[in-house]
Amino acid sequence: MGQPQGSEDFKVDPAELAAHRNTIDYLGQRVALTGSAADAAMGDEAFGLVGIPLAAICATVQSLARSAIESAVEASADHADRVHTWQQRKRMQEDEFKSLFKVED
C-alpha cells in the first residue's frame, strides 16, 4: 500500500511533521512508563502476602495487558521511525530543489 508523496493534492508542513513526531515520541515514552508500572504490579507478592491468591487469579489478565502495552510501545516506536524517515526524505528533497535554483555569487 503506497503512501502519497508530495503531489499538489498532498502537501506537508515540515513544522507540523516535526510536531507530530515529538507527540508520538512523548506518547511512546508514556506508554513505556505504563509498562514499568504494570511490571511492578505483577508477581506473587505484588499484592502482599495476603494477596497471593489474588495475584494468581490476576496473573493471566496481567500478562495479556502487559503484552498489549508492549505492542503499543513497539507500534509507537515504529510510527515515530517512519515519520522521522519521512522528515529526512522531505528535507533531502527540499535541499535538492533549493540547489537547482541556487545562484552562485
C-alpha atoms as a PDB file:
ATOM      1  CA  MET A   1       0.000   0.000   0.000  1.00  0.00           C
ATOM      2  CA  GLY A   2       1.687   3.168  -1.201  1.00  0.00           C
ATOM      3  CA  GLN A   3       1.590   6.482   0.561  1.00  0.00           C
ATOM      4  CA  PRO A   4       1.101   9.800  -1.252  1.00  0.00           C
ATOM      5  CA  GLN A   5       4.366  11.650  -1.779  1.00  0.00           C
ATOM      6  CA  GLY A   6       4.176  15.429  -2.109  1.00  0.00           C
ATOM      7  CA  SER A   7       1.825  15.869  -5.046  1.00  0.00           C
ATOM      8  CA  GLU A   8      -0.170  19.087  -5.331  1.00  0.00           C
ATOM      9  CA  ASP A   9      -3.017  17.360  -3.511  1.00  0.00           C
ATOM     10  CA  PHE A  10      -0.815  16.328  -0.603  1.00  0.00           C
ATOM     11  CA  LYS A  11       1.381  18.984   0.965  1.00  0.00           C
ATOM     12  CA  VAL A  12       3.147  18.541   4.279  1.00  0.00           C
ATOM     13  CA  ASP A  13       4.315  21.335   6.514  1.00  0.00           C
ATOM     14  CA  PRO A  14       7.715  20.295   7.929  1.00  0.00           C
ATOM     15  CA  ALA A  15       6.940  22.015  11.239  1.00  0.00           C
ATOM     16  CA  GLU A  16       3.692  20.059  11.616  1.00  0.00           C
ATOM     17  CA  LEU A  17       5.519  16.840  10.769  1.00  0.00           C
ATOM     18  CA  ALA A  18       8.152  17.590  13.419  1.00  0.00           C
ATOM     19  CA  ALA A  19       5.459  18.414  15.992  1.00  0.00           C
ATOM     20  CA  HIS A  20       3.676  15.149  15.165  1.00  0.00           C
ATOM     21  CA  ARG A  21       6.888  13.183  15.672  1.00  0.00           C
ATOM     22  CA  ASN A  22       7.525  14.874  19.017  1.00  0.00           C
ATOM     23  CA  THR A  23       3.997  13.981  20.115  1.00  0.00           C
ATOM     24  CA  ILE A  24       4.497  10.361  19.085  1.00  0.00           C
ATOM     25  CA  ASP A  25       7.846  10.175  20.903  1.00  0.00           C
ATOM     26  CA  TYR A  26       6.237  11.581  24.063  1.00  0.00           C
ATOM     27  CA  LEU A  27       3.319   9.142  23.883  1.00  0.00           C
ATOM     28  CA  GLY A  28       5.719   6.240  23.350  1.00  0.00           C
ATOM     29  CA  GLN A  29       7.653   7.220  26.456  1.00  0.00           C
ATOM     30  CA  ARG A  30       4.448   7.471  28.491  1.00  0.00           C
ATOM     31  CA  VAL A  31       3.234   4.054  27.305  1.00  0.00           C
ATOM     32  CA  ALA A  32       6.643   2.543  28.122  1.00  0.00           C
ATOM     33  CA  LEU A  33       6.341   4.032  31.616  1.00  0.00           C
ATOM     34  CA  THR A  34       2.953   2.326  31.890  1.00  0.00           C
ATOM     35  CA  GLY A  35       4.726  -0.951  31.120  1.00  0.00           C
ATOM     36  CA  SER A  36       7.110  -0.365  34.006  1.00  0.00           C
ATOM     37  CA  ALA A  37       4.164   0.256  36.313  1.00  0.00           C
ATOM     38  CA  ALA A  38       2.489  -2.928  35.091  1.00  0.00           C
ATOM     39  CA  ASP A  39       5.666  -4.897  35.833  1.00  0.00           C
ATOM     40  CA  ALA A  40       5.624  -3.589  39.417  1.00  0.00           C
ATOM     41  CA  ALA A  41       2.116  -4.954  39.914  1.00  0.00           C
ATOM     42  CA  MET A  42       2.976  -8.448  38.645  1.00  0.00           C
ATOM     43  CA  GLY A  43       4.292 -11.337  40.674  1.00  0.00           C
ATOM     44  CA  ASP A  44       3.183 -13.457  43.590  1.00  0.00           C
ATOM     45  CA  GLU A  45       3.821 -10.827  46.247  1.00  0.00           C
ATOM     46  CA  ALA A  46       2.696  -7.776  44.249  1.00  0.00           C
ATOM     47  CA  PHE A  47      -0.457  -7.616  46.391  1.00  0.00           C
ATOM     48  CA  GLY A  48       1.362  -8.509  49.612  1.00  0.00           C
ATOM     49  CA  LEU A  49       1.407 -11.853  51.361  1.00  0.00           C
ATOM     50  CA  VAL A  50      -2.332 -11.798  51.963  1.00  0.00           C
ATOM     51  CA  GLY A  51      -2.942 -11.108  48.264  1.00  0.00           C
ATOM     52  CA  ILE A  52      -1.024 -14.114  46.892  1.00  0.00           C
ATOM     53  CA  PRO A  53      -4.268 -15.921  45.923  1.00  0.00           C
ATOM     54  CA  LEU A  54      -5.486 -12.736  44.206  1.00  0.00           C
ATOM     55  CA  ALA A  55      -2.194 -12.457  42.323  1.00  0.00           C
ATOM     56  CA  ALA A  56      -2.649 -15.992  40.989  1.00  0.00           C
ATOM     57  CA  ILE A  57      -6.129 -15.134  39.735  1.00  0.00           C
ATOM     58  CA  CYS A  58      -4.957 -11.896  38.100  1.00  0.00           C
ATOM     59  CA  ALA A  59      -1.731 -13.255  36.552  1.00  0.00           C
ATOM     60  CA  THR A  60      -3.248 -14.253  33.202  1.00  0.00           C
ATOM     61  CA  VAL A  61      -5.054 -10.971  32.687  1.00  0.00           C
ATOM     62  CA  GLN A  62      -1.994  -9.009  33.781  1.00  0.00           C
ATOM     63  CA  SER A  63       0.141 -10.920  31.309  1.00  0.00           C
ATOM     64  CA  LEU A  64      -2.294 -10.132  28.481  1.00  0.00           C
ATOM     65  CA  ALA A  65      -2.335  -6.466  29.479  1.00  0.00           C
ATOM     66  CA  ARG A  66       1.465  -6.357  29.559  1.00  0.00           C
ATOM     67  CA  SER A  67       1.593  -7.877  26.058  1.00  0.00           C
ATOM     68  CA  ALA A  68      -0.813  -5.198  24.825  1.00  0.00           C
ATOM     69  CA  ILE A  69       1.363  -2.485  26.368  1.00  0.00           C
ATOM     70  CA  GLU A  70       4.469  -3.925  24.688  1.00  0.00           C
ATOM     71  CA  SER A  71       2.639  -3.951  21.343  1.00  0.00           C
ATOM     72  CA  ALA A  72       1.643  -0.302  21.840  1.00  0.00           C
ATOM     73  CA  VAL A  73       5.242   0.677  22.643  1.00  0.00           C
ATOM     74  CA  GLU A  74       6.519  -1.120  19.537  1.00  0.00           C
ATOM     75  CA  ALA A  75       3.821   0.430  17.321  1.00  0.00           C
ATOM     76  CA  SER A  76       4.580   3.895  18.656  1.00  0.00           C
ATOM     77  CA  ALA A  77       8.316   3.481  18.044  1.00  0.00           C
ATOM     78  CA  ASP A  78       7.684   2.128  14.541  1.00  0.00           C
ATOM     79  CA  HIS A  79       5.405   5.048  13.701  1.00  0.00           C
ATOM     80  CA  ALA A  80       7.925   7.567  15.068  1.00  0.00           C
ATOM     81  CA  ASP A  81      10.681   5.956  12.956  1.00  0.00           C
ATOM     82  CA  ARG A  82       8.518   6.165   9.832  1.00  0.00           C
ATOM     83  CA  VAL A  83       7.708   9.831  10.466  1.00  0.00           C
ATOM     84  CA  HIS A  84      11.420  10.517  11.062  1.00  0.00           C
ATOM     85  CA  THR A  85      12.273   8.837   7.737  1.00  0.00           C
ATOM     86  CA  TRP A  86       9.581  10.932   6.062  1.00  0.00           C
ATOM     87  CA  GLN A  87      11.098  14.078   7.586  1.00  0.00           C
ATOM     88  CA  GLN A  88      14.548  13.138   6.302  1.00  0.00           C
ATOM     89  CA  ARG A  89      13.289  12.419   2.785  1.00  0.00           C
ATOM     90  CA  LYS A  90      11.297  15.636   2.688  1.00  0.00           C
ATOM     91  CA  ARG A  91      14.319  17.604   3.895  1.00  0.00           C
ATOM     92  CA  MET A  92      16.535  15.938   1.250  1.00  0.00           C
ATOM     93  CA  GLN A  93      14.001  16.723  -1.482  1.00  0.00           C
ATOM     94  CA  GLU A  94      13.790  20.359  -0.416  1.00  0.00           C
ATOM     95  CA  ASP A  95      17.588  20.649  -0.323  1.00  0.00           C
ATOM     96  CA  GLU A  96      17.814  19.130  -3.829  1.00  0.00           C
ATOM     97  CA  PHE A  97      15.257  21.588  -5.183  1.00  0.00           C
ATOM     98  CA  LYS A  98      16.966  24.512  -3.488  1.00  0.00           C
ATOM     99  CA  SER A  99      20.288  23.545  -5.056  1.00  0.00           C
ATOM    100  CA  LEU A 100      18.673  23.569  -8.521  1.00  0.00           C
ATOM    101  CA  PHE A 101      17.799  27.227  -8.115  1.00  0.00           C
ATOM    102  CA  LYS A 102      20.839  28.341  -6.171  1.00  0.00           C
ATOM    103  CA  VAL A 103      22.615  31.287  -7.739  1.00  0.00           C
ATOM    104  CA  GLU A 104      26.353  31.477  -7.276  1.00  0.00           C
ATOM    105  CA  ASP A 105      27.814  34.906  -6.423  1.00  0.00           C
END
